[in-house]
Amino acid sequence: MINKNRKVPKIVIVPQGGIANRIRAIASAYQLSVETNKPLKVVWCANKEIKADLNDIIDTTDLPFEISKKGELLYNLTYEIPRKRNFFLSSIFQFFSKNKFIFQIGSNPSFPSEEEFLKLTTENDSDIVILSGLEFYDYDPSIIKNLFKVTKEVEKRKLEILNGNKPLLGLHIRRTDNKESIENSPLELFEEEIKKALAENKNIQFFLASDDQDVKNYLSNQYSKNIVYNPNKADRNSKEGIIDAMAELEILSGCKIILGSFYSSFSEIAAQLGAAQLKVLKKS
């Protein structure tokens, strides 16, 4: 006899990091849920990494998975990785929970391989809760384009930033806390590509996305006739700032070619969102 009250085990993804990191983690979990025929639940927390809910930037109307919003306090006590900043209190909840928790912290070697993920999700009768901001499971890039449609508010902001312009080349220059991008994708590499493109077409337009206001100021002054950019300062700590970032991601995705930064998920996800060709600039 079938027990109709038996809980159906789920894949639960708790995406970490900024917009692009969260998008690729959700895409990975979605692919895993499809292949294992298990429902997907996305647990979203608007915290210091992203001060916005998923439905502020993505149209969630027809998404094929459940979305659960968690406040920071509840999130820190239940889903957060046990550590000093939450006094390891989440370990208590996780110890008594029937769910299986898997944490991705940097390049943690204990994080399961794809084969182990399949085994876990196939053989486990409890929810598999995954905290990650990485592409932990190979997914079809079309998932990004098909699932993540922006909200009307993001689309409106995108049009405001473009102001009727149609840039062909996107520039994503990652700075601030990303040491790998700063070291491997210096500004001079982007300037070299800008000059090459201008030599071929003096009227070509670039869209510049950067989390460094000094970079935006410098390039807009140097190439004012050819650079389209969002003058607002990058801000993860407000809903408006996150909407701006999503609008910039959307604009980049509409460029023919994206000149991206090394070790940047933002560059990669922008290319997957649209039909853009990604060329990562890295010094030899």
Protein backbone atom coordinates (compact mmCIF):
# COMPACT_ATOMS: atom_id res chain seq x y z
CA MET A 1 0.00 0.00 0.00
CA ILE A 2 1.35 3.43 -0.95
CA ASN A 3 1.75 5.91 1.89
CA LYS A 4 0.30 9.12 0.47
CA ASN A 5 1.65 11.11 3.43
CA ARG A 6 5.23 10.02 2.80
CA LYS A 7 7.45 13.03 2.25
CA VAL A 8 8.99 13.28 -1.21
CA PRO A 9 12.73 14.00 -0.75
CA LYS A 10 13.93 17.20 -2.40
CA ILE A 11 17.05 18.82 -3.68
CA VAL A 12 17.36 22.02 -1.62
CA ILE A 13 19.79 24.65 -2.89
CA VAL A 14 20.84 27.53 -0.66
CA PRO A 15 22.71 29.76 -3.16
CA GLN A 16 25.69 31.72 -1.87
CA GLY A 17 27.52 34.86 -3.00
CA GLY A 18 26.52 37.51 -5.53
CA ILE A 19 24.04 37.37 -8.40
CA ALA A 20 26.10 35.33 -10.86
CA ASN A 21 27.26 32.86 -8.20
CA ARG A 22 23.70 32.28 -7.05
CA ILE A 23 22.41 31.85 -10.59
CA ARG A 24 24.96 29.15 -11.46
CA ALA A 25 24.34 27.33 -8.16
CA ILE A 26 20.59 27.26 -8.85
CA ALA A 27 21.22 26.07 -12.43
CA SER A 28 23.43 23.26 -11.11
CA ALA A 29 20.78 22.19 -8.61
CA TYR A 30 18.05 22.36 -11.26
CA GLN A 31 20.02 20.07 -13.58
CA LEU A 32 20.59 17.67 -10.69
CA SER A 33 16.89 17.67 -9.79
CA VAL A 34 15.90 16.95 -13.40
CA GLU A 35 18.35 14.06 -13.73
CA THR A 36 17.33 12.51 -10.40
CA ASN A 37 13.62 13.26 -10.85
CA LYS A 38 13.42 15.02 -7.50
CA PRO A 39 11.66 18.34 -6.83
CA LEU A 40 13.84 21.39 -6.31
CA LYS A 41 13.51 23.97 -3.57
CA VAL A 42 15.50 27.21 -3.56
CA VAL A 43 16.11 28.80 -0.14
CA TRP A 44 16.91 32.48 -0.68
CA CYS A 45 18.26 34.83 1.95
CA ALA A 46 18.59 38.57 1.30
CA ASN A 47 21.78 39.25 3.26
CA LYS A 48 24.95 41.32 2.97
CA GLU A 49 25.89 39.45 -0.21
CA ILE A 50 22.63 40.43 -1.94
CA LYS A 51 20.17 42.81 -0.29
CA ALA A 52 17.27 41.78 -2.52
CA ASP A 53 14.86 38.90 -2.93
CA LEU A 54 14.97 36.67 -5.99
CA ASN A 55 11.67 38.06 -7.28
CA ASP A 56 13.15 41.59 -7.22
CA ILE A 57 15.44 40.66 -10.11
CA ILE A 58 13.99 37.49 -11.67
CA ASP A 59 10.43 36.88 -12.85
CA THR A 60 9.52 33.92 -10.64
CA THR A 61 5.97 33.49 -11.96
CA ASP A 62 6.53 30.29 -13.94
CA LEU A 63 9.72 28.90 -12.43
CA PRO A 64 9.57 25.08 -12.14
CA PHE A 65 10.67 24.97 -8.52
CA GLU A 66 9.69 26.10 -5.05
CA ILE A 67 11.17 29.30 -3.60
CA SER A 68 11.45 29.86 0.13
CA LYS A 69 12.53 33.24 1.53
CA LYS A 70 14.40 33.22 4.82
CA GLY A 71 15.17 36.17 7.06
CA GLU A 72 18.80 36.53 8.14
CA LEU A 73 18.20 35.45 11.75
CA LEU A 74 16.33 32.26 10.86
CA TYR A 75 18.76 31.56 8.04
CA ASN A 76 21.79 31.94 10.33
CA LEU A 77 20.27 29.57 12.88
CA THR A 78 19.30 26.85 10.41
CA TYR A 79 20.96 26.85 7.01
CA GLU A 80 24.15 28.84 7.59
CA ILE A 81 27.49 27.04 7.72
CA PRO A 82 28.32 26.54 11.44
CA ARG A 83 31.03 29.06 12.31
CA LYS A 84 32.04 31.77 14.78
CA ARG A 85 29.82 34.49 13.35
CA ASN A 86 26.68 32.46 14.17
CA PHE A 87 28.24 30.97 17.34
CA PHE A 88 27.97 27.53 15.68
CA LEU A 89 24.26 27.53 16.61
CA SER A 90 23.22 26.24 13.19
CA SER A 91 25.11 23.00 13.95
CA ILE A 92 22.45 22.21 16.59
CA PHE A 93 19.60 22.44 14.08
CA GLN A 94 21.55 20.55 11.45
CA PHE A 95 22.53 17.80 13.90
CA PHE A 96 18.89 17.05 14.76
CA SER A 97 17.62 17.55 11.21
CA LYS A 98 16.87 14.49 9.08
CA ASN A 99 18.27 16.33 6.08
CA LYS A 100 21.71 15.78 4.60
CA PHE A 101 23.71 19.05 4.55
CA ILE A 102 26.50 19.65 2.04
CA PHE A 103 28.60 22.81 2.28
CA GLN A 104 30.79 24.35 -0.38
CA ILE A 105 33.52 26.47 1.16
CA GLY A 106 36.03 27.54 -1.48
CA SER A 107 37.64 24.43 -2.94
CA ASN A 108 36.62 22.15 -0.07
CA PRO A 109 37.85 18.69 -1.16
CA SER A 110 35.06 16.97 0.81
CA PHE A 111 32.44 18.46 -1.52
CA PRO A 112 30.94 15.53 -3.51
CA SER A 113 31.79 14.78 -7.11
CA GLU A 114 28.99 14.61 -9.67
CA GLU A 115 28.93 10.81 -9.34
CA GLU A 116 28.61 11.09 -5.57
CA PHE A 117 25.83 13.66 -5.94
CA LEU A 118 23.87 11.26 -8.11
CA LYS A 119 24.38 8.47 -5.59
CA LEU A 120 23.37 10.69 -2.67
CA THR A 121 20.22 11.97 -4.34
CA THR A 122 19.20 8.55 -5.61
CA GLU A 123 19.74 6.60 -2.41
CA ASN A 124 18.85 9.18 0.25
CA ASP A 125 15.26 9.42 1.51
CA SER A 126 15.81 12.82 3.15
CA ASP A 127 16.29 16.22 1.59
CA ILE A 128 19.76 17.01 0.25
CA VAL A 129 20.54 20.58 1.35
CA ILE A 130 23.36 22.15 -0.68
CA LEU A 131 25.02 25.47 0.19
CA SER A 132 27.07 26.62 -2.79
CA GLY A 133 27.84 29.52 -5.07
CA LEU A 134 29.61 27.37 -7.65
CA GLU A 135 28.77 25.26 -10.66
CA PHE A 136 28.94 22.12 -8.55
CA TYR A 137 27.10 20.02 -11.14
CA ASP A 138 27.40 20.36 -14.93
CA TYR A 139 24.34 22.01 -16.41
CA ASP A 140 23.14 22.77 -19.90
CA PRO A 141 23.88 26.51 -20.49
CA SER A 142 20.41 26.89 -22.03
CA ILE A 143 19.03 26.53 -18.48
CA ILE A 144 20.39 29.98 -17.66
CA LYS A 145 18.72 31.60 -20.65
CA ASN A 146 15.42 29.76 -20.22
CA LEU A 147 14.97 30.06 -16.45
CA PHE A 148 16.26 33.49 -15.55
CA LYS A 149 14.03 36.11 -17.14
CA VAL A 150 14.42 39.51 -15.56
CA THR A 151 11.63 41.47 -13.89
CA LYS A 152 9.96 44.50 -15.45
CA GLU A 153 11.81 46.70 -12.97
CA VAL A 154 15.18 45.35 -14.15
CA GLU A 155 14.16 45.71 -17.79
CA LYS A 156 13.15 49.31 -17.15
CA ARG A 157 16.49 50.06 -15.50
CA LYS A 158 18.31 48.41 -18.40
CA LEU A 159 16.60 50.73 -20.89
CA GLU A 160 17.38 53.75 -18.72
CA ILE A 161 21.08 52.87 -18.65
CA LEU A 162 21.26 52.22 -22.40
CA ASN A 163 19.34 55.41 -23.22
CA GLY A 164 18.77 54.28 -26.81
CA ASN A 165 22.34 53.05 -27.39
CA LYS A 166 23.12 49.60 -28.78
CA PRO A 167 26.65 48.62 -27.72
CA LEU A 168 28.32 45.76 -29.64
CA LEU A 169 31.17 45.07 -27.22
CA GLY A 170 30.73 44.48 -23.50
CA LEU A 171 33.48 45.17 -20.98
CA HIS A 172 33.30 43.55 -17.59
CA ILE A 173 36.13 44.71 -15.35
CA ARG A 174 35.98 43.01 -11.95
CA ARG A 175 37.86 44.65 -9.10
CA THR A 176 37.30 45.35 -5.35
CA ASP A 177 37.77 42.05 -3.44
CA ASN A 178 38.63 39.80 -6.41
CA LYS A 179 42.43 39.57 -6.24
CA GLU A 180 42.63 37.04 -9.09
CA SER A 181 40.79 39.37 -11.48
CA ILE A 182 42.87 42.39 -10.47
CA GLU A 183 46.14 40.52 -10.92
CA ASN A 184 45.32 38.58 -14.09
CA SER A 185 43.05 41.03 -15.93
CA PRO A 186 44.70 44.45 -15.54
CA LEU A 187 43.10 47.56 -17.00
CA GLU A 188 45.74 47.89 -19.74
CA LEU A 189 44.50 44.67 -21.39
CA PHE A 190 41.04 46.16 -21.73
CA GLU A 191 42.46 49.41 -23.11
CA GLU A 192 44.41 47.48 -25.73
CA GLU A 193 41.20 45.79 -26.90
CA ILE A 194 39.31 49.10 -26.88
CA LYS A 195 41.97 50.71 -29.08
CA LYS A 196 41.97 47.76 -31.49
CA ALA A 197 38.20 47.93 -31.87
CA LEU A 198 38.27 51.73 -32.36
CA ALA A 199 40.95 51.37 -35.04
CA GLU A 200 38.54 49.18 -37.01
CA ASN A 201 35.42 51.22 -36.28
CA LYS A 202 35.73 54.64 -34.68
CA ASN A 203 31.99 54.71 -33.94
CA ILE A 204 31.79 51.38 -32.14
CA GLN A 205 30.05 51.44 -28.76
CA PHE A 206 31.12 49.60 -25.63
CA PHE A 207 29.08 48.84 -22.56
CA LEU A 208 31.21 49.01 -19.42
CA ALA A 209 30.24 47.11 -16.28
CA SER A 210 32.53 47.37 -13.27
CA ASP A 211 32.35 47.31 -9.50
CA ASP A 212 35.14 49.91 -9.39
CA GLN A 213 33.98 53.51 -9.72
CA ASP A 214 37.51 54.73 -10.53
CA VAL A 215 37.65 52.37 -13.52
CA LYS A 216 34.31 53.65 -14.78
CA ASN A 217 35.37 57.28 -14.35
CA TYR A 218 38.71 56.74 -16.08
CA LEU A 219 37.42 54.87 -19.14
CA SER A 220 34.39 57.11 -19.57
CA ASN A 221 36.69 60.15 -19.57
CA GLN A 222 39.14 58.56 -22.00
CA TYR A 223 36.53 57.23 -24.44
CA SER A 224 33.47 59.34 -23.64
CA LYS A 225 31.98 59.12 -27.15
CA ASN A 226 32.12 55.34 -27.25
CA ILE A 227 31.45 54.18 -23.68
CA VAL A 228 27.98 53.46 -22.31
CA TYR A 229 27.88 52.73 -18.57
CA ASN A 230 25.81 52.95 -15.43
CA PRO A 231 27.04 56.01 -13.46
CA ASN A 232 25.66 54.65 -10.18
CA LYS A 233 28.15 53.22 -7.73
CA ALA A 234 28.04 49.43 -7.35
CA ASP A 235 26.10 48.64 -4.18
CA ARG A 236 25.26 45.17 -2.83
CA ASN A 237 23.63 46.63 0.25
CA SER A 238 20.44 47.94 -1.34
CA LYS A 239 17.66 46.54 -3.48
CA GLU A 240 18.29 49.33 -6.00
CA GLY A 241 21.96 48.39 -6.24
CA ILE A 242 21.12 44.74 -6.93
CA ILE A 243 18.59 45.76 -9.59
CA ASP A 244 21.31 47.88 -11.19
CA ALA A 245 23.71 44.92 -11.16
CA MET A 246 21.12 42.63 -12.76
CA ALA A 247 20.41 45.26 -15.41
CA GLU A 248 24.13 45.45 -16.20
CA LEU A 249 24.31 41.65 -16.45
CA GLU A 250 21.38 41.74 -18.88
CA ILE A 251 22.99 44.46 -21.00
CA LEU A 252 26.27 42.54 -21.19
CA SER A 253 24.37 39.45 -22.29
CA GLY A 254 22.98 41.39 -25.25
CA CYS A 255 26.39 42.41 -26.58
CA LYS A 256 27.92 40.49 -29.46
CA ILE A 257 31.21 39.96 -27.63
CA ILE A 258 32.02 40.29 -23.93
CA LEU A 259 35.57 41.11 -22.89
CA GLY A 260 35.55 39.61 -19.43
CA SER A 261 37.70 39.36 -16.34
CA PHE A 262 39.60 36.29 -15.23
CA TYR A 263 38.01 34.35 -12.34
CA SER A 264 34.68 36.17 -12.66
CA SER A 265 31.36 34.35 -12.64
CA PHE A 266 29.65 37.61 -13.67
CA SER A 267 31.41 37.54 -17.05
CA GLU A 268 30.56 33.87 -17.57
CA ILE A 269 26.89 34.11 -16.61
CA ALA A 270 26.43 37.22 -18.77
CA ALA A 271 27.57 35.21 -21.79
CA GLN A 272 25.27 32.30 -20.91
CA LEU A 273 22.26 34.60 -20.47
CA GLY A 274 22.52 35.75 -24.07
CA ALA A 275 24.21 34.75 -27.29
CA ALA A 276 27.39 36.63 -26.48
CA GLN A 277 30.86 35.33 -27.17
CA LEU A 278 33.06 35.56 -24.08
CA LYS A 279 36.71 36.50 -24.37
CA VAL A 280 38.42 36.48 -20.99
CA LEU A 281 41.37 38.90 -20.88
CA LYS A 282 44.26 37.36 -18.99
CA LYS A 283 47.89 38.37 -19.01
CA SER A 284 50.33 35.69 -20.14
